[in-house]
């Protein structure tokens, strides 16, 4: 299980079709999305070369996200971030 409050990381997970199981309300209006499944069929850069990872844990996925070595559709990422913003503002 991984709890995530960073909107952009949540958007990345959702863009890669990793579903959240719940949203936990935190103090001062913050929310944490709870994820429990691994990611599947993820393309990452290793030494500048695209590599397909069939299964990846969420901590490893977060590391690739943070290092900028994760390949995903910008259209899907933008749509997922808009969706996250809608969820956050609708649940106030």
PDB file of N, CA and C in Angstrom:
ATOM      1  N   UNK A   1       0.848  -1.179   0.000  1.00  0.00           N
ATOM      2  CA  UNK A   1       0.000   0.000   0.000  1.00  0.00           C
ATOM      3  C   UNK A   1       0.894   1.243   0.000  1.00  0.00           C
ATOM      4  N   UNK A   2       0.477   2.235  -0.772  1.00  0.00           N
ATOM      5  CA  UNK A   2       1.225   3.493  -0.839  1.00  0.00           C
ATOM      6  C   UNK A   2       0.235   4.642  -0.765  1.00  0.00           C
ATOM      7  N   UNK A   3       0.491   5.569   0.152  1.00  0.00           N
ATOM      8  CA  UNK A   3      -0.340   6.766   0.291  1.00  0.00           C
ATOM      9  C   UNK A   3       0.401   7.921  -0.355  1.00  0.00           C
ATOM     10  N   UNK A   4      -0.309   8.649  -1.224  1.00  0.00           N
ATOM     11  CA  UNK A   4       0.316   9.710  -2.001  1.00  0.00           C
ATOM     12  C   UNK A   4      -0.526  10.982  -1.908  1.00  0.00           C
ATOM     13  N   UNK A   5       0.132  12.100  -1.566  1.00  0.00           N
ATOM     14  CA  UNK A   5      -0.576  13.380  -1.544  1.00  0.00           C
ATOM     15  C   UNK A   5      -0.083  14.320  -2.648  1.00  0.00           C
ATOM     16  N   UNK A   6       1.015  13.984  -3.297  1.00  0.00           N
ATOM     17  CA  UNK A   6       1.548  14.801  -4.393  1.00  0.00           C
ATOM     18  C   UNK A   6       0.648  14.648  -5.624  1.00  0.00           C
ATOM     19  N   UNK A   7       0.009  15.740  -6.020  1.00  0.00           N
ATOM     20  CA  UNK A   7      -0.958  15.709  -7.123  1.00  0.00           C
ATOM     21  C   UNK A   7      -0.342  15.184  -8.422  1.00  0.00           C
ATOM     22  N   UNK A   8       0.906  15.522  -8.685  1.00  0.00           N
ATOM     23  CA  UNK A   8       1.536  15.109  -9.941  1.00  0.00           C
ATOM     24  C   UNK A   8       1.902  13.630  -9.928  1.00  0.00           C
ATOM     25  N   UNK A   9       2.302  13.119  -8.777  1.00  0.00           N
ATOM     26  CA  UNK A   9       2.569  11.687  -8.679  1.00  0.00           C
ATOM     27  C   UNK A   9       1.272  10.896  -8.776  1.00  0.00           C
ATOM     28  N   UNK A  10       0.213  11.384  -8.134  1.00  0.00           N
ATOM     29  CA  UNK A  10      -1.095  10.741  -8.262  1.00  0.00           C
ATOM     30  C   UNK A  10      -1.513  10.732  -9.730  1.00  0.00           C
ATOM     31  N   UNK A  11      -1.350  11.860 -10.410  1.00  0.00           N
ATOM     32  CA  UNK A  11      -1.678  11.939 -11.836  1.00  0.00           C
ATOM     33  C   UNK A  11      -0.877  10.947 -12.664  1.00  0.00           C
ATOM     34  N   UNK A  12       0.404  10.796 -12.340  1.00  0.00           N
ATOM     35  CA  UNK A  12       1.238   9.824 -13.055  1.00  0.00           C
ATOM     36  C   UNK A  12       0.719   8.411 -12.847  1.00  0.00           C
ATOM     37  N   UNK A  13       0.422   8.060 -11.596  1.00  0.00           N
ATOM     38  CA  UNK A  13      -0.119   6.723 -11.323  1.00  0.00           C
ATOM     39  C   UNK A  13      -1.413   6.494 -12.107  1.00  0.00           C
ATOM     40  N   UNK A  14      -2.305   7.475 -12.087  1.00  0.00           N
ATOM     41  CA  UNK A  14      -3.580   7.316 -12.785  1.00  0.00           C
ATOM     42  C   UNK A  14      -3.392   7.256 -14.303  1.00  0.00           C
ATOM     43  N   UNK A  15      -2.466   8.050 -14.833  1.00  0.00           N
ATOM     44  CA  UNK A  15      -2.192   8.024 -16.272  1.00  0.00           C
ATOM     45  C   UNK A  15      -1.660   6.657 -16.704  1.00  0.00           C
ATOM     46  N   UNK A  16      -1.010   5.970 -15.774  1.00  0.00           N
ATOM     47  CA  UNK A  16      -0.478   4.633 -16.057  1.00  0.00           C
ATOM     48  C   UNK A  16      -1.448   3.525 -15.634  1.00  0.00           C
ATOM     49  N   UNK A  17      -2.689   3.928 -15.354  1.00  0.00           N
ATOM     50  CA  UNK A  17      -3.782   3.012 -15.032  1.00  0.00           C
ATOM     51  C   UNK A  17      -3.574   2.223 -13.749  1.00  0.00           C
ATOM     52  N   UNK A  18      -2.942   2.857 -12.768  1.00  0.00           N
ATOM     53  CA  UNK A  18      -2.848   2.283 -11.429  1.00  0.00           C
ATOM     54  C   UNK A  18      -4.022   2.860 -10.643  1.00  0.00           C
ATOM     55  N   UNK A  19      -5.009   2.060 -10.285  1.00  0.00           N
ATOM     56  CA  UNK A  19      -6.203   2.604  -9.616  1.00  0.00           C
ATOM     57  C   UNK A  19      -5.954   2.888  -8.133  1.00  0.00           C
ATOM     58  N   UNK A  20      -6.618   3.925  -7.627  1.00  0.00           N
ATOM     59  CA  UNK A  20      -6.562   4.173  -6.188  1.00  0.00           C
ATOM     60  C   UNK A  20      -7.725   3.445  -5.539  1.00  0.00           C
ATOM     61  N   UNK A  21      -7.555   3.066  -4.271  1.00  0.00           N
ATOM     62  CA  UNK A  21      -8.605   2.330  -3.570  1.00  0.00           C
ATOM     63  C   UNK A  21      -9.445   3.227  -2.681  1.00  0.00           C
ATOM     64  N   UNK A  22      -8.852   4.336  -2.226  1.00  0.00           N
ATOM     65  CA  UNK A  22      -9.612   5.284  -1.405  1.00  0.00           C
ATOM     66  C   UNK A  22      -8.871   6.615  -1.334  1.00  0.00           C
ATOM     67  N   UNK A  23      -9.564   7.605  -0.827  1.00  0.00           N
ATOM     68  CA  UNK A  23      -8.970   8.914  -0.579  1.00  0.00           C
ATOM     69  C   UNK A  23      -9.148   9.207   0.902  1.00  0.00           C
ATOM     70  N   UNK A  24      -8.042   9.467   1.573  1.00  0.00           N
ATOM     71  CA  UNK A  24      -8.085   9.787   3.003  1.00  0.00           C
ATOM     72  C   UNK A  24      -7.988  11.288   3.180  1.00  0.00           C
ATOM     73  N   UNK A  25      -8.854  11.829   3.990  1.00  0.00           N
ATOM     74  CA  UNK A  25      -8.842  13.257   4.305  1.00  0.00           C
ATOM     75  C   UNK A  25      -7.787  13.504   5.375  1.00  0.00           C
ATOM     76  N   UNK A  26      -6.940  14.490   5.148  1.00  0.00           N
ATOM     77  CA  UNK A  26      -5.910  14.878   6.102  1.00  0.00           C
ATOM     78  C   UNK A  26      -6.284  16.241   6.672  1.00  0.00           C
ATOM     79  N   UNK A  27      -5.578  16.670   7.683  1.00  0.00           N
ATOM     80  CA  UNK A  27      -5.830  17.981   8.262  1.00  0.00           C
ATOM     81  C   UNK A  27      -5.599  19.086   7.247  1.00  0.00           C
ATOM     82  N   UNK A  28      -6.212  20.210   7.455  1.00  0.00           N
ATOM     83  CA  UNK A  28      -6.109  21.413   6.624  1.00  0.00           C
ATOM     84  C   UNK A  28      -6.484  21.163   5.164  1.00  0.00           C
ATOM     85  N   UNK A  29      -7.424  20.247   4.925  1.00  0.00           N
ATOM     86  CA  UNK A  29      -7.954  20.031   3.582  1.00  0.00           C
ATOM     87  C   UNK A  29      -7.103  19.173   2.669  1.00  0.00           C
ATOM     88  N   UNK A  30      -5.979  18.675   3.156  1.00  0.00           N
ATOM     89  CA  UNK A  30      -5.134  17.812   2.308  1.00  0.00           C
ATOM     90  C   UNK A  30      -5.767  16.429   2.168  1.00  0.00           C
ATOM     91  N   UNK A  31      -5.473  15.816   1.040  1.00  0.00           N
ATOM     92  CA  UNK A  31      -5.998  14.484   0.778  1.00  0.00           C
ATOM     93  C   UNK A  31      -4.870  13.562   0.361  1.00  0.00           C
ATOM     94  N   UNK A  32      -4.975  12.302   0.751  1.00  0.00           N
ATOM     95  CA  UNK A  32      -4.021  11.293   0.329  1.00  0.00           C
ATOM     96  C   UNK A  32      -4.774  10.228  -0.457  1.00  0.00           C
ATOM     97  N   UNK A  33      -4.249   9.912  -1.625  1.00  0.00           N
ATOM     98  CA  UNK A  33      -4.801   8.834  -2.424  1.00  0.00           C
ATOM     99  C   UNK A  33      -4.076   7.552  -2.021  1.00  0.00           C
ATOM    100  N   UNK A  34      -4.828   6.488  -1.822  1.00  0.00           N
ATOM    101  CA  UNK A  34      -4.256   5.218  -1.402  1.00  0.00           C
ATOM    102  C   UNK A  34      -4.243   4.271  -2.600  1.00  0.00           C
ATOM    103  N   UNK A  35      -3.060   3.751  -2.909  1.00  0.00           N
ATOM    104  CA  UNK A  35      -2.864   2.812  -4.010  1.00  0.00           C
ATOM    105  C   UNK A  35      -2.385   1.489  -3.434  1.00  0.00           C
ATOM    106  N   UNK A  36      -2.845   0.376  -4.008  1.00  0.00           N
ATOM    107  CA  UNK A  36      -2.446  -0.929  -3.486  1.00  0.00           C
ATOM    108  C   UNK A  36      -1.890  -1.864  -4.546  1.00  0.00           C
ATOM    109  N   UNK A  37      -2.062  -1.555  -5.824  1.00  0.00           N
ATOM    110  CA  UNK A  37      -1.627  -2.455  -6.878  1.00  0.00           C
ATOM    111  C   UNK A  37      -0.301  -2.011  -7.477  1.00  0.00           C
ATOM    112  N   UNK A  38       0.447  -2.975  -8.002  1.00  0.00           N
ATOM    113  CA  UNK A  38       1.650  -2.652  -8.761  1.00  0.00           C
ATOM    114  C   UNK A  38       1.251  -2.093 -10.119  1.00  0.00           C
ATOM    115  N   UNK A  39       2.191  -1.438 -10.771  1.00  0.00           N
ATOM    116  CA  UNK A  39       1.979  -0.928 -12.128  1.00  0.00           C
ATOM    117  C   UNK A  39       2.411  -2.008 -13.123  1.00  0.00           C
ATOM    118  N   UNK A  40       1.819  -1.979 -14.309  1.00  0.00           N
ATOM    119  CA  UNK A  40       2.114  -2.987 -15.323  1.00  0.00           C
ATOM    120  C   UNK A  40       2.402  -2.329 -16.664  1.00  0.00           C
ATOM    121  N   UNK A  41       3.327  -2.935 -17.408  1.00  0.00           N
ATOM    122  CA  UNK A  41       3.676  -2.498 -18.768  1.00  0.00           C
ATOM    123  C   UNK A  41       4.092  -1.028 -18.798  1.00  0.00           C
ATOM    124  N   UNK A  42       5.128  -0.730 -18.047  1.00  0.00           N
ATOM    125  CA  UNK A  42       5.646   0.623 -17.911  1.00  0.00           C
ATOM    126  C   UNK A  42       6.924   0.742 -18.733  1.00  0.00           C
ATOM    127  N   UNK A  43       7.055   1.843 -19.459  1.00  0.00           N
ATOM    128  CA  UNK A  43       8.267   2.080 -20.240  1.00  0.00           C
ATOM    129  C   UNK A  43       9.122   3.117 -19.510  1.00  0.00           C
ATOM    130  N   UNK A  44      10.365   2.730 -19.255  1.00  0.00           N
ATOM    131  CA  UNK A  44      11.302   3.602 -18.558  1.00  0.00           C
ATOM    132  C   UNK A  44      12.579   3.735 -19.394  1.00  0.00           C
ATOM    133  N   UNK A  45      13.358   4.739 -19.059  1.00  0.00           N
ATOM    134  CA  UNK A  45      14.661   4.896 -19.700  1.00  0.00           C
ATOM    135  C   UNK A  45      15.735   4.359 -18.768  1.00  0.00           C
ATOM    136  N   UNK A  46      16.560   3.468 -19.299  1.00  0.00           N
ATOM    137  CA  UNK A  46      17.716   2.960 -18.567  1.00  0.00           C
ATOM    138  C   UNK A  46      18.934   3.211 -19.438  1.00  0.00           C
ATOM    139  N   UNK A  47      19.811   4.076 -18.964  1.00  0.00           N
ATOM    140  CA  UNK A  47      20.985   4.495 -19.745  1.00  0.00           C
ATOM    141  C   UNK A  47      20.575   5.069 -21.100  1.00  0.00           C
ATOM    142  N   UNK A  48      19.463   5.800 -21.113  1.00  0.00           N
ATOM    143  CA  UNK A  48      18.988   6.444 -22.329  1.00  0.00           C
ATOM    144  C   UNK A  48      18.233   5.540 -23.286  1.00  0.00           C
ATOM    145  N   UNK A  49      18.036   4.283 -22.913  1.00  0.00           N
ATOM    146  CA  UNK A  49      17.365   3.314 -23.784  1.00  0.00           C
ATOM    147  C   UNK A  49      15.993   2.973 -23.200  1.00  0.00           C
ATOM    148  N   UNK A  50      14.910   3.045 -24.008  1.00  0.00           N
ATOM    149  CA  UNK A  50      13.586   2.664 -23.508  1.00  0.00           C
ATOM    150  C   UNK A  50      13.530   1.165 -23.195  1.00  0.00           C
ATOM    151  N   UNK A  51      13.006   0.838 -22.014  1.00  0.00           N
ATOM    152  CA  UNK A  51      12.891  -0.547 -21.568  1.00  0.00           C
ATOM    153  C   UNK A  51      11.475  -0.755 -21.039  1.00  0.00           C
ATOM    154  N   UNK A  52      10.833  -1.858 -21.457  1.00  0.00           N
ATOM    155  CA  UNK A  52       9.502  -2.197 -20.960  1.00  0.00           C
ATOM    156  C   UNK A  52       9.629  -3.005 -19.682  1.00  0.00           C
ATOM    157  N   UNK A  53       8.971  -2.543 -18.634  1.00  0.00           N
ATOM    158  CA  UNK A  53       8.905  -3.269 -17.365  1.00  0.00           C
ATOM    159  C   UNK A  53       7.498  -3.830 -17.243  1.00  0.00           C
ATOM    160  N   UNK A  54       7.374  -5.151 -17.217  1.00  0.00           N
ATOM    161  CA  UNK A  54       6.042  -5.763 -17.166  1.00  0.00           C
ATOM    162  C   UNK A  54       5.335  -5.489 -15.849  1.00  0.00           C
ATOM    163  N   UNK A  55       6.072  -5.505 -14.746  1.00  0.00           N
ATOM    164  CA  UNK A  55       5.500  -5.219 -13.432  1.00  0.00           C
ATOM    165  C   UNK A  55       6.484  -4.350 -12.663  1.00  0.00           C
ATOM    166  N   UNK A  56       5.939  -3.360 -11.956  1.00  0.00           N
ATOM    167  CA  UNK A  56       6.803  -2.456 -11.198  1.00  0.00           C
ATOM    168  C   UNK A  56       6.077  -2.051  -9.921  1.00  0.00           C
ATOM    169  N   UNK A  57       6.789  -2.130  -8.804  1.00  0.00           N
ATOM    170  CA  UNK A  57       6.245  -1.667  -7.531  1.00  0.00           C
ATOM    171  C   UNK A  57       6.083  -0.151  -7.541  1.00  0.00           C
ATOM    172  N   UNK A  58       5.218   0.349  -6.688  1.00  0.00           N
ATOM    173  CA  UNK A  58       4.920   1.778  -6.680  1.00  0.00           C
ATOM    174  C   UNK A  58       6.091   2.624  -6.189  1.00  0.00           C
ATOM    175  N   UNK A  59       6.908   2.107  -5.293  1.00  0.00           N
ATOM    176  CA  UNK A  59       8.087   2.858  -4.857  1.00  0.00           C
ATOM    177  C   UNK A  59       9.086   3.010  -6.008  1.00  0.00           C
ATOM    178  N   UNK A  60       9.269   1.933  -6.774  1.00  0.00           N
ATOM    179  CA  UNK A  60      10.160   2.000  -7.931  1.00  0.00           C
ATOM    180  C   UNK A  60       9.599   2.958  -8.982  1.00  0.00           C
ATOM    181  N   UNK A  61       8.289   2.902  -9.199  1.00  0.00           N
ATOM    182  CA  UNK A  61       7.645   3.805 -10.142  1.00  0.00           C
ATOM    183  C   UNK A  61       7.832   5.260  -9.708  1.00  0.00           C
ATOM    184  N   UNK A  62       7.707   5.527  -8.421  1.00  0.00           N
ATOM    185  CA  UNK A  62       7.926   6.880  -7.909  1.00  0.00           C
ATOM    186  C   UNK A  62       9.367   7.330  -8.170  1.00  0.00           C
ATOM    187  N   UNK A  63      10.324   6.428  -8.020  1.00  0.00           N
ATOM    188  CA  UNK A  63      11.726   6.769  -8.284  1.00  0.00           C
ATOM    189  C   UNK A  63      11.952   7.147  -9.742  1.00  0.00           C
ATOM    190  N   UNK A  64      11.360   6.382 -10.666  1.00  0.00           N
ATOM    191  CA  UNK A  64      11.483   6.721 -12.088  1.00  0.00           C
ATOM    192  C   UNK A  64      10.801   8.052 -12.389  1.00  0.00           C
ATOM    193  N   UNK A  65       9.654   8.288 -11.760  1.00  0.00           N
ATOM    194  CA  UNK A  65       8.937   9.559 -11.921  1.00  0.00           C
ATOM    195  C   UNK A  65       9.830  10.722 -11.462  1.00  0.00           C
ATOM    196  N   UNK A  66      10.432  10.580 -10.286  1.00  0.00           N
ATOM    197  CA  UNK A  66      11.246  11.650  -9.715  1.00  0.00           C
ATOM    198  C   UNK A  66      12.514  11.914 -10.528  1.00  0.00           C
ATOM    199  N   UNK A  67      13.053  10.873 -11.137  1.00  0.00           N
ATOM    200  CA  UNK A  67      14.299  11.029 -11.886  1.00  0.00           C
ATOM    201  C   UNK A  67      14.073  11.481 -13.326  1.00  0.00           C
ATOM    202  N   UNK A  68      12.803  11.511 -13.758  1.00  0.00           N
ATOM    203  CA  UNK A  68      12.496  11.924 -15.128  1.00  0.00           C
ATOM    204  C   UNK A  68      12.763  10.845 -16.157  1.00  0.00           C
ATOM    205  N   UNK A  69      12.885   9.597 -15.699  1.00  0.00           N
ATOM    206  CA  UNK A  69      13.169   8.482 -16.611  1.00  0.00           C
ATOM    207  C   UNK A  69      11.962   7.585 -16.848  1.00  0.00           C
ATOM    208  N   UNK A  70      10.790   8.170 -16.793  1.00  0.00           N
ATOM    209  CA  UNK A  70       9.540   7.452 -17.015  1.00  0.00           C
ATOM    210  C   UNK A  70       8.902   7.990 -18.285  1.00  0.00           C
ATOM    211  N   UNK A  71       8.530   7.108 -19.187  1.00  0.00           N
ATOM    212  CA  UNK A  71       7.898   7.533 -20.434  1.00  0.00           C
ATOM    213  C   UNK A  71       6.400   7.282 -20.353  1.00  0.00           C
ATOM    214  N   UNK A  72       5.631   8.335 -20.624  1.00  0.00           N
ATOM    215  CA  UNK A  72       4.182   8.195 -20.680  1.00  0.00           C
ATOM    216  C   UNK A  72       3.620   9.297 -21.559  1.00  0.00           C
ATOM    217  N   UNK A  73       2.402   9.105 -21.991  1.00  0.00           N
ATOM    218  CA  UNK A  73       1.737  10.059 -22.871  1.00  0.00           C
ATOM    219  C   UNK A  73       1.452  11.363 -22.132  1.00  0.00           C
ATOM    220  N   UNK A  74       1.881  12.471 -22.717  1.00  0.00           N
ATOM    221  CA  UNK A  74       1.606  13.769 -22.093  1.00  0.00           C
ATOM    222  C   UNK A  74       0.105  14.055 -22.072  1.00  0.00           C
ATOM    223  N   UNK A  75      -0.622  13.611 -23.094  1.00  0.00           N
ATOM    224  CA  UNK A  75      -2.075  13.803 -23.117  1.00  0.00           C
ATOM    225  C   UNK A  75      -2.747  13.071 -21.952  1.00  0.00           C
ATOM    226  N   UNK A  76      -2.320  11.831 -21.717  1.00  0.00           N
ATOM    227  CA  UNK A  76      -2.896  11.049 -20.611  1.00  0.00           C
ATOM    228  C   UNK A  76      -2.529  11.655 -19.270  1.00  0.00           C
ATOM    229  N   UNK A  77      -1.282  12.148 -19.135  1.00  0.00           N
ATOM    230  CA  UNK A  77      -0.859  12.755 -17.881  1.00  0.00           C
ATOM    231  C   UNK A  77      -1.650  14.033 -17.605  1.00  0.00           C
ATOM    232  N   UNK A  78      -1.807  14.881 -18.591  1.00  0.00           N
ATOM    233  CA  UNK A  78      -2.582  16.125 -18.410  1.00  0.00           C
ATOM    234  C   UNK A  78      -4.023  15.823 -18.029  1.00  0.00           C
ATOM    235  N   UNK A  79      -4.634  14.862 -18.694  1.00  0.00           N
ATOM    236  CA  UNK A  79      -6.019  14.480 -18.382  1.00  0.00           C
ATOM    237  C   UNK A  79      -6.120  13.925 -16.961  1.00  0.00           C
ATOM    238  N   UNK A  80      -5.144  13.126 -16.561  1.00  0.00           N
ATOM    239  CA  UNK A  80      -5.162  12.551 -15.215  1.00  0.00           C
ATOM    240  C   UNK A  80      -4.996  13.635 -14.155  1.00  0.00           C
ATOM    241  N   UNK A  81      -4.123  14.607 -14.396  1.00  0.00           N
ATOM    242  CA  UNK A  81      -3.932  15.697 -13.435  1.00  0.00           C
ATOM    243  C   UNK A  81      -5.191  16.541 -13.326  1.00  0.00           C
ATOM    244  N   UNK A  82      -5.851  16.814 -14.456  1.00  0.00           N
ATOM    245  CA  UNK A  82      -7.135  17.538 -14.406  1.00  0.00           C
ATOM    246  C   UNK A  82      -8.150  16.747 -13.577  1.00  0.00           C
ATOM    247  N   UNK A  83      -8.173  15.432 -13.752  1.00  0.00           N
ATOM    248  CA  UNK A  83      -9.083  14.570 -12.999  1.00  0.00           C
ATOM    249  C   UNK A  83      -8.774  14.632 -11.498  1.00  0.00           C
ATOM    250  N   UNK A  84      -7.504  14.589 -11.142  1.00  0.00           N
ATOM    251  CA  UNK A  84      -7.102  14.684  -9.733  1.00  0.00           C
ATOM    252  C   UNK A  84      -7.556  16.012  -9.144  1.00  0.00           C
ATOM    253  N   UNK A  85      -7.349  17.101  -9.866  1.00  0.00           N
ATOM    254  CA  UNK A  85      -7.792  18.422  -9.389  1.00  0.00           C
ATOM    255  C   UNK A  85      -9.299  18.434  -9.163  1.00  0.00           C
ATOM    256  N   UNK A  86     -10.049  17.840 -10.079  1.00  0.00           N
ATOM    257  CA  UNK A  86     -11.509  17.787  -9.931  1.00  0.00           C
ATOM    258  C   UNK A  86     -11.908  17.005  -8.691  1.00  0.00           C
ATOM    259  N   UNK A  87     -11.249  15.881  -8.470  1.00  0.00           N
ATOM    260  CA  UNK A  87     -11.550  15.060  -7.297  1.00  0.00           C
ATOM    261  C   UNK A  87     -11.240  15.829  -6.017  1.00  0.00           C
ATOM    262  N   UNK A  88     -10.097  16.481  -5.972  1.00  0.00           N
ATOM    263  CA  UNK A  88      -9.694  17.219  -4.772  1.00  0.00           C
ATOM    264  C   UNK A  88     -10.687  18.341  -4.462  1.00  0.00           C
ATOM    265  N   UNK A  89     -11.070  19.104  -5.484  1.00  0.00           N
ATOM    266  CA  UNK A  89     -11.974  20.244  -5.237  1.00  0.00           C
ATOM    267  C   UNK A  89     -13.409  19.809  -5.016  1.00  0.00           C
ATOM    268  N   UNK A  90     -13.817  18.684  -5.564  1.00  0.00           N
ATOM    269  CA  UNK A  90     -15.193  18.209  -5.373  1.00  0.00           C
ATOM    270  C   UNK A  90     -15.419  17.626  -3.985  1.00  0.00           C
ATOM    271  N   UNK A  91     -14.378  17.195  -3.339  1.00  0.00           N
ATOM    272  CA  UNK A  91     -14.499  16.510  -2.057  1.00  0.00           C
ATOM    273  C   UNK A  91     -14.239  17.415  -0.865  1.00  0.00           C
ATOM    274  N   UNK A  92     -14.338  18.721  -1.037  1.00  0.00           N
ATOM    275  CA  UNK A  92     -14.085  19.652   0.086  1.00  0.00           C
ATOM    276  C   UNK A  92     -15.248  19.682   1.021  1.00  0.00           C
TER     277      UNK A  92
END
